[in-house]
Amino acid sequence: MKFDKYVAGVLMTFLFTGTVAVSSFAGATLKGVDAVNNPSEASSEVLGPGVQNVESPESTVQETDSTQKETGKVTIIDGIRVPAVIKSDEAIQADFALLSGGGANMDWGNYYPSANSVPVGNADEIWLRSLDTYSRENTSDMVCYLTFDLGYENGHTVSIMETLKKHNAPATFFVTGACIKSNPEIVLAIAKNGFTVGNHTLNHKNMSTVTTKEMFFTEVNTVEEQYEALTGHPMNRYYRPPEGKSSQAQLMLARAMGYKTMLWSVAYKDYDEKAQPSRDSALATLNKRIHPGAIVLLHATSSTNASILDELLTGWESAGYKFKSLDELPENEFN
């Protein structure tokens, strides 16, 4: 994607760190993808880095028609989920002209009044949804949405994908530009296995330092360009702000770029690879926090998550939960 007003300012030098730290969100102070991941004729085995998904043109066309009919939001091309509608550069430029920048002043978090209940977030859900921002589905149905943050590859992503495919569970992986640059084969494997790839910014920086719309555009659009160069297809328009740090200005900027911002209602402290939670504590926490309509955030860098995922999903299925794609999130249920 090109954006004439700002493209000259796009940074093409990528900054890396050994880890991606995400601050804990639990106990925050209150202040104001489809049912089938892969083409029907594709193997159930996960395609690893560098492995091509071989399928007939007929099966691709059939899956494309089916997916469009089911969600109206995506199509399948070469086994990769592609947004059916992309906002034009001209429309983005026009919307950006009306907006201002501003660093993050919201640090998203939830607390849990009781087990398996809808958590209370530190921003009003109706206000969030007015800005195309989601933390959960407002429903009593036993459904949930699986998402994984992938700031860097830590050796667990293929195992996680294998487990997801075993359970026929759609999922979205939010990747950074740093991850695309350092591990393009992993990001391509995620896309080729039919999972959704979302935008987690270029450098996973503290968004409070991103104070202009030009800076915000660079952090988000550069990831799009990297992903399209890698896969040959545009990125799905789901954005997750690092650490949940955002602001009304930034949520409006994301929306102007055609994105839905995805927060979460279930997560836990799984992001520190040097202090991974035990199997028992991880299962206990997640099983206590799951609730109808949850958007679940797990880190794909976590060895604990990789080891418990099969057991976790089996238990949730036994409890009656169905896994859905972000493409199936309703847009107006808070109205």
C-alpha atoms as a PDB file:
ATOM      1  CA  MET A   1       0.000   0.000   0.000  1.00  0.00           C
ATOM      2  CA  LYS A   2       1.253   3.479  -0.834  1.00  0.00           C
ATOM      3  CA  PHE A   3       0.278   6.635   0.949  1.00  0.00           C
ATOM      4  CA  ASP A   4       1.742   9.648  -0.789  1.00  0.00           C
ATOM      5  CA  LYS A   5       1.512  12.087   2.079  1.00  0.00           C
ATOM      6  CA  TYR A   6       3.503   9.910   4.469  1.00  0.00           C
ATOM      7  CA  VAL A   7       5.350   7.273   2.507  1.00  0.00           C
ATOM      8  CA  ALA A   8       8.507   9.395   2.391  1.00  0.00           C
ATOM      9  CA  GLY A   9       8.658   9.155   6.143  1.00  0.00           C
ATOM     10  CA  VAL A  10       8.296   5.388   6.359  1.00  0.00           C
ATOM     11  CA  LEU A  11      11.146   3.826   8.292  1.00  0.00           C
ATOM     12  CA  MET A  12      12.809   0.903   6.589  1.00  0.00           C
ATOM     13  CA  THR A  13      15.300   0.246   9.388  1.00  0.00           C
ATOM     14  CA  PHE A  14      13.892  -2.253  11.850  1.00  0.00           C
ATOM     15  CA  LEU A  15      14.771  -2.257  15.546  1.00  0.00           C
ATOM     16  CA  PHE A  16      15.014  -5.499  17.423  1.00  0.00           C
ATOM     17  CA  THR A  17      15.126  -6.646  21.010  1.00  0.00           C
ATOM     18  CA  GLY A  18      15.727 -10.100  22.355  1.00  0.00           C
ATOM     19  CA  THR A  19      12.327 -10.221  23.981  1.00  0.00           C
ATOM     20  CA  VAL A  20       9.016  -8.445  23.733  1.00  0.00           C
ATOM     21  CA  ALA A  21       7.875  -7.471  27.209  1.00  0.00           C
ATOM     22  CA  VAL A  22       4.183  -6.904  27.817  1.00  0.00           C
ATOM     23  CA  SER A  23       3.046  -5.466  31.112  1.00  0.00           C
ATOM     24  CA  SER A  24       0.537  -7.347  33.235  1.00  0.00           C
ATOM     25  CA  PHE A  25      -3.045  -6.219  32.771  1.00  0.00           C
ATOM     26  CA  ALA A  26      -4.943  -8.086  35.492  1.00  0.00           C
ATOM     27  CA  GLY A  27      -6.365  -5.962  38.282  1.00  0.00           C
ATOM     28  CA  ALA A  28      -6.324  -2.755  36.250  1.00  0.00           C
ATOM     29  CA  THR A  29      -7.727   0.331  37.932  1.00  0.00           C
ATOM     30  CA  LEU A  30     -11.080   1.358  36.506  1.00  0.00           C
ATOM     31  CA  LYS A  31     -10.622   4.603  34.669  1.00  0.00           C
ATOM     32  CA  GLY A  32     -12.155   6.087  32.162  1.00  0.00           C
ATOM     33  CA  VAL A  33     -11.848 -16.954  11.745  1.00  0.00           C
ATOM     34  CA  ASP A  34     -14.754 -19.140  10.082  1.00  0.00           C
ATOM     35  CA  ALA A  35     -15.306 -22.742  11.229  1.00  0.00           C
ATOM     36  CA  VAL A  36     -12.657 -24.222   8.936  1.00  0.00           C
ATOM     37  CA  ASN A  37      -9.141 -22.849   8.764  1.00  0.00           C
ATOM     38  CA  ASN A  38      -7.936 -24.500   5.621  1.00  0.00           C
ATOM     39  CA  PRO A  39      -9.155 -25.451   2.161  1.00  0.00           C
ATOM     40  CA  SER A  40     -11.234 -28.624   2.322  1.00  0.00           C
ATOM     41  CA  GLU A  41      -8.792 -30.600   0.224  1.00  0.00           C
ATOM     42  CA  ALA A  42      -5.693 -29.549   2.172  1.00  0.00           C
ATOM     43  CA  SER A  43      -3.823 -31.875   4.482  1.00  0.00           C
ATOM     44  CA  SER A  44      -4.575 -31.666   8.188  1.00  0.00           C
ATOM     45  CA  GLU A  45      -0.831 -31.585   8.823  1.00  0.00           C
ATOM     46  CA  VAL A  46       0.706 -28.216   9.483  1.00  0.00           C
ATOM     47  CA  LEU A  47       2.894 -26.891   6.732  1.00  0.00           C
ATOM     48  CA  GLY A  48       6.188 -25.827   8.187  1.00  0.00           C
ATOM     49  CA  PRO A  49       8.433 -23.028   6.995  1.00  0.00           C
ATOM     50  CA  GLY A  50       9.235 -23.330   3.299  1.00  0.00           C
ATOM     51  CA  VAL A  51       6.604 -26.011   2.625  1.00  0.00           C
ATOM     52  CA  GLN A  52       4.139 -25.210  -0.114  1.00  0.00           C
ATOM     53  CA  ASN A  53       0.439 -25.924   0.261  1.00  0.00           C
ATOM     54  CA  VAL A  54      -0.463 -27.986  -2.785  1.00  0.00           C
ATOM     55  CA  GLU A  55      -4.113 -27.879  -3.738  1.00  0.00           C
ATOM     56  CA  SER A  56      -6.132 -28.004  -6.912  1.00  0.00           C
ATOM     57  CA  PRO A  57      -7.516 -24.806  -8.469  1.00  0.00           C
ATOM     58  CA  GLU A  58     -10.974 -26.315  -8.130  1.00  0.00           C
ATOM     59  CA  SER A  59     -10.698 -26.724  -4.363  1.00  0.00           C
ATOM     60  CA  THR A  60      -9.431 -23.156  -4.000  1.00  0.00           C
ATOM     61  CA  VAL A  61     -12.354 -21.748  -5.940  1.00  0.00           C
ATOM     62  CA  GLN A  62     -14.842 -23.793  -3.945  1.00  0.00           C
ATOM     63  CA  GLU A  63     -13.380 -22.641  -0.633  1.00  0.00           C
ATOM     64  CA  THR A  64     -13.262 -19.033  -1.816  1.00  0.00           C
ATOM     65  CA  ASP A  65     -16.946 -19.047  -2.716  1.00  0.00           C
ATOM     66  CA  SER A  66     -17.853 -20.780   0.547  1.00  0.00           C
ATOM     67  CA  THR A  67     -15.856 -18.388   2.696  1.00  0.00           C
ATOM     68  CA  GLN A  68     -17.224 -15.295   1.014  1.00  0.00           C
ATOM     69  CA  LYS A  69     -20.731 -16.637   1.402  1.00  0.00           C
ATOM     70  CA  GLU A  70     -20.119 -17.407   5.085  1.00  0.00           C
ATOM     71  CA  THR A  71     -18.479 -14.195   6.291  1.00  0.00           C
ATOM     72  CA  GLY A  72     -18.419 -11.730   3.415  1.00  0.00           C
ATOM     73  CA  LYS A  73     -15.105 -10.444   4.785  1.00  0.00           C
ATOM     74  CA  VAL A  74     -12.413 -12.778   3.452  1.00  0.00           C
ATOM     75  CA  THR A  75     -11.576 -14.931   0.505  1.00  0.00           C
ATOM     76  CA  ILE A  76      -8.980 -17.706   0.152  1.00  0.00           C
ATOM     77  CA  ILE A  77      -6.251 -17.240  -2.453  1.00  0.00           C
ATOM     78  CA  ASP A  78      -3.351 -19.699  -2.618  1.00  0.00           C
ATOM     79  CA  GLY A  79      -4.492 -20.993   0.767  1.00  0.00           C
ATOM     80  CA  ILE A  80      -4.087 -17.524   2.318  1.00  0.00           C
ATOM     81  CA  ARG A  81      -6.887 -15.527   3.898  1.00  0.00           C
ATOM     82  CA  VAL A  82      -7.275 -12.260   2.032  1.00  0.00           C
ATOM     83  CA  PRO A  83      -9.591  -9.398   2.996  1.00  0.00           C
ATOM     84  CA  ALA A  84     -12.441  -9.086   0.530  1.00  0.00           C
ATOM     85  CA  VAL A  85     -12.450  -5.289   0.756  1.00  0.00           C
ATOM     86  CA  ILE A  86      -9.450  -2.988   1.155  1.00  0.00           C
ATOM     87  CA  LYS A  87      -9.917   0.683   1.912  1.00  0.00           C
ATOM     88  CA  SER A  88      -8.455   2.807  -0.865  1.00  0.00           C
ATOM     89  CA  ASP A  89      -5.374   4.963  -0.388  1.00  0.00           C
ATOM     90  CA  GLU A  90      -7.424   8.007  -1.319  1.00  0.00           C
ATOM     91  CA  ALA A  91     -10.035   7.270   1.354  1.00  0.00           C
ATOM     92  CA  ILE A  92      -7.326   6.763   3.990  1.00  0.00           C
ATOM     93  CA  GLN A  93      -5.664  10.019   3.022  1.00  0.00           C
ATOM     94  CA  ALA A  94      -8.985  11.888   3.219  1.00  0.00           C
ATOM     95  CA  ASP A  95      -9.781  10.465   6.647  1.00  0.00           C
ATOM     96  CA  PHE A  96      -6.295  11.119   7.975  1.00  0.00           C
ATOM     97  CA  ALA A  97      -6.589  14.763   6.949  1.00  0.00           C
ATOM     98  CA  LEU A  98      -9.435  15.146   9.460  1.00  0.00           C
ATOM     99  CA  LEU A  99      -7.619  13.533  12.383  1.00  0.00           C
ATOM    100  CA  SER A 100      -4.923  14.464  14.846  1.00  0.00           C
ATOM    101  CA  GLY A 101      -2.262  12.309  16.449  1.00  0.00           C
ATOM    102  CA  GLY A 102      -1.588  11.768  20.117  1.00  0.00           C
ATOM    103  CA  GLY A 103       0.307   9.309  22.254  1.00  0.00           C
ATOM    104  CA  ALA A 104      -1.362   6.469  24.117  1.00  0.00           C
ATOM    105  CA  ASN A 105      -3.112   7.381  27.347  1.00  0.00           C
ATOM    106  CA  MET A 106      -5.150   4.192  27.804  1.00  0.00           C
ATOM    107  CA  ASP A 107      -3.556   1.053  29.238  1.00  0.00           C
ATOM    108  CA  TRP A 108      -6.114  -1.659  28.534  1.00  0.00           C
ATOM    109  CA  GLY A 109      -6.818  -4.099  31.338  1.00  0.00           C
ATOM    110  CA  ASN A 110      -9.512  -6.296  32.880  1.00  0.00           C
ATOM    111  CA  TYR A 111     -10.371  -7.614  36.278  1.00  0.00           C
ATOM    112  CA  TYR A 112     -12.473 -10.694  36.935  1.00  0.00           C
ATOM    113  CA  PRO A 113     -15.283 -10.379  39.522  1.00  0.00           C
ATOM    114  CA  SER A 114     -15.886 -14.124  39.594  1.00  0.00           C
ATOM    115  CA  ALA A 115     -14.884 -17.274  37.759  1.00  0.00           C
ATOM    116  CA  ASN A 116     -16.073 -17.544  34.172  1.00  0.00           C
ATOM    117  CA  SER A 117     -17.881 -14.217  34.324  1.00  0.00           C
ATOM    118  CA  VAL A 118     -17.503 -11.372  31.860  1.00  0.00           C
ATOM    119  CA  PRO A 119     -14.554  -9.303  33.092  1.00  0.00           C
ATOM    120  CA  VAL A 120     -14.721  -5.575  33.687  1.00  0.00           C
ATOM    121  CA  GLY A 121     -12.430  -3.541  31.463  1.00  0.00           C
ATOM    122  CA  ASN A 122     -11.007  -0.098  32.110  1.00  0.00           C
ATOM    123  CA  ALA A 123     -12.773   1.444  29.124  1.00  0.00           C
ATOM    124  CA  ASP A 124     -16.450   1.432  28.249  1.00  0.00           C
ATOM    125  CA  GLU A 125     -17.338  -1.303  25.749  1.00  0.00           C
ATOM    126  CA  ILE A 126     -19.896   0.820  23.922  1.00  0.00           C
ATOM    127  CA  TRP A 127     -17.327   3.589  23.506  1.00  0.00           C
ATOM    128  CA  LEU A 128     -14.733   1.100  22.282  1.00  0.00           C
ATOM    129  CA  ARG A 129     -17.095  -0.407  19.755  1.00  0.00           C
ATOM    130  CA  SER A 130     -17.950   3.062  18.403  1.00  0.00           C
ATOM    131  CA  LEU A 131     -14.266   3.196  17.428  1.00  0.00           C
ATOM    132  CA  ASP A 132     -14.277  -0.274  15.810  1.00  0.00           C
ATOM    133  CA  THR A 133     -12.456  -1.657  18.853  1.00  0.00           C
ATOM    134  CA  TYR A 134     -13.276  -5.042  20.367  1.00  0.00           C
ATOM    135  CA  SER A 135     -12.388  -6.829  23.581  1.00  0.00           C
ATOM    136  CA  ARG A 136     -15.114  -9.491  23.421  1.00  0.00           C
ATOM    137  CA  GLU A 137     -18.421 -10.445  21.883  1.00  0.00           C
ATOM    138  CA  ASN A 138     -21.478  -9.406  23.876  1.00  0.00           C
ATOM    139  CA  THR A 139     -23.158 -12.816  24.010  1.00  0.00           C
ATOM    140  CA  SER A 140     -24.185 -15.635  26.317  1.00  0.00           C
ATOM    141  CA  ASP A 141     -23.306 -18.202  23.647  1.00  0.00           C
ATOM    142  CA  MET A 142     -20.392 -20.514  24.409  1.00  0.00           C
ATOM    143  CA  VAL A 143     -18.020 -19.115  21.799  1.00  0.00           C
ATOM    144  CA  CYS A 144     -14.522 -17.708  21.991  1.00  0.00           C
ATOM    145  CA  TYR A 145     -11.908 -16.227  19.681  1.00  0.00           C
ATOM    146  CA  LEU A 146      -8.290 -17.400  19.848  1.00  0.00           C
ATOM    147  CA  THR A 147      -5.509 -14.904  19.198  1.00  0.00           C
ATOM    148  CA  PHE A 148      -1.734 -15.159  19.578  1.00  0.00           C
ATOM    149  CA  ASP A 149       0.769 -12.316  19.817  1.00  0.00           C
ATOM    150  CA  LEU A 150       4.004 -13.051  17.976  1.00  0.00           C
ATOM    151  CA  GLY A 151       6.578 -10.344  18.518  1.00  0.00           C
ATOM    152  CA  TYR A 152       9.397 -12.770  17.738  1.00  0.00           C
ATOM    153  CA  GLU A 153       9.700 -16.463  16.912  1.00  0.00           C
ATOM    154  CA  ASN A 154      10.660 -18.605  19.896  1.00  0.00           C
ATOM    155  CA  GLY A 155      10.351 -22.110  18.470  1.00  0.00           C
ATOM    156  CA  HIS A 156       6.734 -22.851  19.456  1.00  0.00           C
ATOM    157  CA  THR A 157       4.644 -21.500  16.578  1.00  0.00           C
ATOM    158  CA  VAL A 158       4.573 -24.667  14.468  1.00  0.00           C
ATOM    159  CA  SER A 159       3.514 -26.759  17.480  1.00  0.00           C
ATOM    160  CA  ILE A 160       0.765 -24.254  18.268  1.00  0.00           C
ATOM    161  CA  MET A 161      -0.480 -24.391  14.679  1.00  0.00           C
ATOM    162  CA  GLU A 162      -0.516 -28.193  14.760  1.00  0.00           C
ATOM    163  CA  THR A 163      -2.689 -28.148  17.877  1.00  0.00           C
ATOM    164  CA  LEU A 164      -5.049 -25.562  16.406  1.00  0.00           C
ATOM    165  CA  LYS A 165      -5.504 -27.644  13.268  1.00  0.00           C
ATOM    166  CA  LYS A 166      -6.108 -30.755  15.374  1.00  0.00           C
ATOM    167  CA  HIS A 167      -9.040 -28.935  16.978  1.00  0.00           C
ATOM    168  CA  ASN A 168     -10.131 -27.286  13.719  1.00  0.00           C
ATOM    169  CA  ALA A 169      -9.787 -23.995  15.590  1.00  0.00           C
ATOM    170  CA  PRO A 170      -9.375 -20.728  13.687  1.00  0.00           C
ATOM    171  CA  ALA A 171      -6.936 -18.250  15.183  1.00  0.00           C
ATOM    172  CA  THR A 172      -5.303 -14.906  14.503  1.00  0.00           C
ATOM    173  CA  PHE A 173      -1.566 -14.315  14.937  1.00  0.00           C
ATOM    174  CA  PHE A 174      -0.631 -10.680  15.538  1.00  0.00           C
ATOM    175  CA  VAL A 175       2.880 -10.233  14.141  1.00  0.00           C
ATOM    176  CA  THR A 176       5.380  -7.410  14.339  1.00  0.00           C
ATOM    177  CA  GLY A 177       7.435  -6.108  11.465  1.00  0.00           C
ATOM    178  CA  ALA A 178      10.500  -7.298  13.357  1.00  0.00           C
ATOM    179  CA  CYS A 179       9.123 -10.848  13.279  1.00  0.00           C
ATOM    180  CA  ILE A 180       8.352 -10.676   9.563  1.00  0.00           C
ATOM    181  CA  LYS A 181      11.886  -9.524   8.876  1.00  0.00           C
ATOM    182  CA  SER A 182      13.669 -12.024  11.116  1.00  0.00           C
ATOM    183  CA  ASN A 183      11.392 -15.053  10.535  1.00  0.00           C
ATOM    184  CA  PRO A 184       9.555 -14.611   7.241  1.00  0.00           C
ATOM    185  CA  GLU A 185       9.229 -18.377   6.800  1.00  0.00           C
ATOM    186  CA  ILE A 186       7.197 -18.649  10.014  1.00  0.00           C
ATOM    187  CA  VAL A 187       4.854 -15.817   9.060  1.00  0.00           C
ATOM    188  CA  LEU A 188       4.391 -17.334   5.607  1.00  0.00           C
ATOM    189  CA  ALA A 189       3.644 -20.716   7.191  1.00  0.00           C
ATOM    190  CA  ILE A 190       0.981 -19.115   9.403  1.00  0.00           C
ATOM    191  CA  ALA A 191      -0.681 -17.570   6.363  1.00  0.00           C
ATOM    192  CA  LYS A 192      -0.323 -20.713   4.215  1.00  0.00           C
ATOM    193  CA  ASN A 193      -1.976 -22.808   6.904  1.00  0.00           C
ATOM    194  CA  GLY A 194      -5.084 -20.646   6.659  1.00  0.00           C
ATOM    195  CA  PHE A 195      -4.699 -18.676   9.870  1.00  0.00           C
ATOM    196  CA  THR A 196      -5.316 -14.941   9.991  1.00  0.00           C
ATOM    197  CA  VAL A 197      -2.303 -12.649  10.277  1.00  0.00           C
ATOM    198  CA  GLY A 198      -2.926  -9.366  12.106  1.00  0.00           C
ATOM    199  CA  ASN A 199      -0.838  -6.239  12.647  1.00  0.00           C
ATOM    200  CA  HIS A 200       1.105  -5.772  15.908  1.00  0.00           C
ATOM    201  CA  THR A 201       3.112  -2.722  14.710  1.00  0.00           C
ATOM    202  CA  LEU A 202       6.587  -2.445  13.282  1.00  0.00           C
ATOM    203  CA  ASN A 203       8.692  -2.334  16.436  1.00  0.00           C
ATOM    204  CA  HIS A 204       6.311  -3.163  19.323  1.00  0.00           C
ATOM    205  CA  LYS A 205       7.171   0.211  20.789  1.00  0.00           C
ATOM    206  CA  ASN A 206       5.428   2.013  23.602  1.00  0.00           C
ATOM    207  CA  MET A 207       2.631   3.767  21.730  1.00  0.00           C
ATOM    208  CA  SER A 208       2.690   6.701  24.158  1.00  0.00           C
ATOM    209  CA  THR A 209       5.767   7.820  22.207  1.00  0.00           C
ATOM    210  CA  VAL A 210       3.855   7.662  18.917  1.00  0.00           C
ATOM    211  CA  THR A 211       2.454  11.177  19.034  1.00  0.00           C
ATOM    212  CA  THR A 212       1.748  12.071  15.393  1.00  0.00           C
ATOM    213  CA  LYS A 213      -0.380  10.470  12.726  1.00  0.00           C
ATOM    214  CA  GLU A 214       2.726  10.162  10.532  1.00  0.00           C
ATOM    215  CA  MET A 215       4.450   8.081  13.222  1.00  0.00           C
ATOM    216  CA  PHE A 216       1.376   5.931  13.703  1.00  0.00           C
ATOM    217  CA  PHE A 217       1.040   5.364   9.983  1.00  0.00           C
ATOM    218  CA  THR A 218       4.661   4.257   9.784  1.00  0.00           C
ATOM    219  CA  GLU A 219       4.293   1.764  12.656  1.00  0.00           C
ATOM    220  CA  VAL A 220       1.249   0.139  11.057  1.00  0.00           C
ATOM    221  CA  ASN A 221       1.613   0.562   7.312  1.00  0.00           C
ATOM    222  CA  THR A 222       5.195  -0.716   7.139  1.00  0.00           C
ATOM    223  CA  VAL A 223       4.004  -4.071   8.517  1.00  0.00           C
ATOM    224  CA  GLU A 224       1.371  -4.198   5.782  1.00  0.00           C
ATOM    225  CA  GLU A 225       4.023  -3.574   3.139  1.00  0.00           C
ATOM    226  CA  GLN A 226       6.315  -6.260   4.557  1.00  0.00           C
ATOM    227  CA  TYR A 227       3.491  -8.796   4.707  1.00  0.00           C
ATOM    228  CA  GLU A 228       2.308  -8.092   1.167  1.00  0.00           C
ATOM    229  CA  ALA A 229       5.873  -8.332  -0.151  1.00  0.00           C
ATOM    230  CA  LEU A 230       6.196 -11.710   1.595  1.00  0.00           C
ATOM    231  CA  THR A 231       2.862 -13.289   0.649  1.00  0.00           C
ATOM    232  CA  GLY A 232       1.756 -11.382  -2.426  1.00  0.00           C
ATOM    233  CA  HIS A 233      -1.545 -10.541  -0.701  1.00  0.00           C
ATOM    234  CA  PRO A 234      -2.796  -7.683   1.477  1.00  0.00           C
ATOM    235  CA  MET A 235      -2.873  -8.120   5.232  1.00  0.00           C
ATOM    236  CA  ASN A 236      -6.113  -8.711   7.107  1.00  0.00           C
ATOM    237  CA  ARG A 237      -7.187  -5.506   8.813  1.00  0.00           C
ATOM    238  CA  TYR A 238      -6.902  -6.430  12.473  1.00  0.00           C
ATOM    239  CA  TYR A 239      -4.657  -4.311  14.692  1.00  0.00           C
ATOM    240  CA  ARG A 240      -3.499  -5.001  18.240  1.00  0.00           C
ATOM    241  CA  PRO A 241      -1.724  -2.159  20.057  1.00  0.00           C
ATOM    242  CA  PRO A 242       1.369  -3.352  21.956  1.00  0.00           C
ATOM    243  CA  GLU A 243       0.661  -3.834  25.672  1.00  0.00           C
ATOM    244  CA  GLY A 244      -2.900  -2.616  25.058  1.00  0.00           C
ATOM    245  CA  LYS A 245      -1.638   0.987  25.149  1.00  0.00           C
ATOM    246  CA  SER A 246      -3.735   3.281  22.988  1.00  0.00           C
ATOM    247  CA  SER A 247      -5.834   6.436  22.898  1.00  0.00           C
ATOM    248  CA  GLN A 248      -8.934   7.720  21.195  1.00  0.00           C
ATOM    249  CA  ALA A 249      -6.744   9.439  18.612  1.00  0.00           C
ATOM    250  CA  GLN A 250      -4.875   6.219  17.817  1.00  0.00           C
ATOM    251  CA  LEU A 251      -8.044   4.121  17.663  1.00  0.00           C
ATOM    252  CA  MET A 252      -9.446   6.653  15.205  1.00  0.00           C
ATOM    253  CA  LEU A 253      -6.259   6.511  13.148  1.00  0.00           C
ATOM    254  CA  ALA A 254      -6.433   2.717  13.019  1.00  0.00           C
ATOM    255  CA  ARG A 255     -10.048   2.913  11.894  1.00  0.00           C
ATOM    256  CA  ALA A 256      -9.102   5.462   9.216  1.00  0.00           C
ATOM    257  CA  MET A 257      -6.652   2.892   7.850  1.00  0.00           C
ATOM    258  CA  GLY A 258      -9.433   0.322   7.618  1.00  0.00           C
ATOM    259  CA  TYR A 259      -8.515  -1.603  10.767  1.00  0.00           C
ATOM    260  CA  LYS A 260     -10.534  -3.059  13.597  1.00  0.00           C
ATOM    261  CA  THR A 261      -8.582  -2.820  16.843  1.00  0.00           C
ATOM    262  CA  MET A 262      -8.538  -6.084  18.798  1.00  0.00           C
ATOM    263  CA  LEU A 263      -8.026  -5.982  22.545  1.00  0.00           C
ATOM    264  CA  TRP A 264      -8.855  -9.008  24.722  1.00  0.00           C
ATOM    265  CA  SER A 265     -10.915 -10.225  27.659  1.00  0.00           C
ATOM    266  CA  VAL A 266      -8.858 -13.298  28.633  1.00  0.00           C
ATOM    267  CA  ALA A 267      -5.097 -13.354  29.104  1.00  0.00           C
ATOM    268  CA  TYR A 268      -2.533 -14.158  31.752  1.00  0.00           C
ATOM    269  CA  LYS A 269       1.142 -13.620  32.514  1.00  0.00           C
ATOM    270  CA  ASP A 270       2.615 -15.882  29.857  1.00  0.00           C
ATOM    271  CA  TYR A 271       4.966 -13.462  28.094  1.00  0.00           C
ATOM    272  CA  ASP A 272       8.150 -13.731  30.178  1.00  0.00           C
ATOM    273  CA  GLU A 273      10.106 -16.635  28.729  1.00  0.00           C
ATOM    274  CA  LYS A 274      12.419 -16.628  31.747  1.00  0.00           C
ATOM    275  CA  ALA A 275       9.528 -17.005  34.195  1.00  0.00           C
ATOM    276  CA  GLN A 276       7.000 -19.248  32.505  1.00  0.00           C
ATOM    277  CA  PRO A 277       3.943 -20.271  34.525  1.00  0.00           C
ATOM    278  CA  SER A 278       3.602 -23.928  35.452  1.00  0.00           C
ATOM    279  CA  ARG A 279       1.210 -26.185  33.599  1.00  0.00           C
ATOM    280  CA  ASP A 280      -1.171 -26.410  36.551  1.00  0.00           C
ATOM    281  CA  SER A 281      -1.251 -22.694  37.292  1.00  0.00           C
ATOM    282  CA  ALA A 282      -1.705 -21.805  33.618  1.00  0.00           C
ATOM    283  CA  LEU A 283      -4.629 -24.188  33.175  1.00  0.00           C
ATOM    284  CA  ALA A 284      -6.222 -23.072  36.432  1.00  0.00           C
ATOM    285  CA  THR A 285      -6.005 -19.400  35.527  1.00  0.00           C
ATOM    286  CA  LEU A 286      -7.227 -19.744  31.957  1.00  0.00           C
ATOM    287  CA  ASN A 287     -10.032 -22.142  32.856  1.00  0.00           C
ATOM    288  CA  LYS A 288     -11.201 -19.695  35.522  1.00  0.00           C
ATOM    289  CA  ARG A 289     -11.100 -16.713  33.150  1.00  0.00           C
ATOM    290  CA  ILE A 290     -12.721 -18.151  30.025  1.00  0.00           C
ATOM    291  CA  HIS A 291     -16.239 -16.818  29.455  1.00  0.00           C
ATOM    292  CA  PRO A 292     -18.835 -16.648  26.651  1.00  0.00           C
ATOM    293  CA  GLY A 293     -17.705 -14.338  23.857  1.00  0.00           C
ATOM    294  CA  ALA A 294     -14.106 -14.116  25.047  1.00  0.00           C
ATOM    295  CA  ILE A 295     -11.281 -12.828  22.896  1.00  0.00           C
ATOM    296  CA  VAL A 296      -8.357 -14.848  24.239  1.00  0.00           C
ATOM    297  CA  LEU A 297      -4.830 -13.458  24.072  1.00  0.00           C
ATOM    298  CA  LEU A 298      -1.977 -15.965  24.352  1.00  0.00           C
ATOM    299  CA  HIS A 299       1.648 -15.430  23.438  1.00  0.00           C
ATOM    300  CA  ALA A 300       3.038 -17.763  20.802  1.00  0.00           C
ATOM    301  CA  THR A 301       6.467 -17.281  22.391  1.00  0.00           C
ATOM    302  CA  SER A 302       5.354 -19.183  25.513  1.00  0.00           C
ATOM    303  CA  SER A 303       6.611 -22.729  26.039  1.00  0.00           C
ATOM    304  CA  THR A 304       3.829 -23.250  28.589  1.00  0.00           C
ATOM    305  CA  ASN A 305       1.175 -22.302  26.048  1.00  0.00           C
ATOM    306  CA  ALA A 306       2.598 -24.709  23.509  1.00  0.00           C
ATOM    307  CA  SER A 307       2.577 -27.558  26.031  1.00  0.00           C
ATOM    308  CA  ILE A 308      -0.928 -26.965  27.461  1.00  0.00           C
ATOM    309  CA  LEU A 309      -2.817 -25.857  24.353  1.00  0.00           C
ATOM    310  CA  ASP A 310      -4.171 -29.287  23.391  1.00  0.00           C
ATOM    311  CA  GLU A 311      -5.420 -29.966  26.916  1.00  0.00           C
ATOM    312  CA  LEU A 312      -6.779 -26.424  27.225  1.00  0.00           C
ATOM    313  CA  LEU A 313      -8.776 -26.558  23.994  1.00  0.00           C
ATOM    314  CA  THR A 314     -10.022 -30.079  24.743  1.00  0.00           C
ATOM    315  CA  GLY A 315     -11.351 -28.883  28.085  1.00  0.00           C
ATOM    316  CA  TRP A 316     -13.029 -25.844  26.589  1.00  0.00           C
ATOM    317  CA  GLU A 317     -14.650 -27.978  23.905  1.00  0.00           C
ATOM    318  CA  SER A 318     -15.903 -30.383  26.572  1.00  0.00           C
ATOM    319  CA  ALA A 319     -17.415 -27.410  28.397  1.00  0.00           C
ATOM    320  CA  GLY A 320     -19.332 -26.527  25.228  1.00  0.00           C
ATOM    321  CA  TYR A 321     -17.163 -23.797  23.710  1.00  0.00           C
ATOM    322  CA  LYS A 322     -16.863 -23.334  19.962  1.00  0.00           C
ATOM    323  CA  PHE A 323     -13.908 -21.533  18.416  1.00  0.00           C
ATOM    324  CA  LYS A 324     -14.691 -18.771  15.948  1.00  0.00           C
ATOM    325  CA  SER A 325     -12.740 -16.477  13.654  1.00  0.00           C
ATOM    326  CA  LEU A 326     -12.457 -12.741  14.254  1.00  0.00           C
ATOM    327  CA  ASP A 327     -14.214 -12.401  10.902  1.00  0.00           C
ATOM    328  CA  GLU A 328     -17.340 -13.672  12.650  1.00  0.00           C
ATOM    329  CA  LEU A 329     -17.408 -11.027  15.374  1.00  0.00           C
ATOM    330  CA  PRO A 330     -20.705  -9.104  15.145  1.00  0.00           C
ATOM    331  CA  GLU A 331     -20.318  -5.368  14.749  1.00  0.00           C
ATOM    332  CA  ASN A 332     -23.414  -3.885  16.340  1.00  0.00           C
ATOM    333  CA  GLU A 333     -24.457  -6.063  19.276  1.00  0.00           C
ATOM    334  CA  PHE A 334     -23.764  -3.266  21.792  1.00  0.00           C
ATOM    335  CA  ASN A 335     -26.172  -0.907  20.009  1.00  0.00           C
END
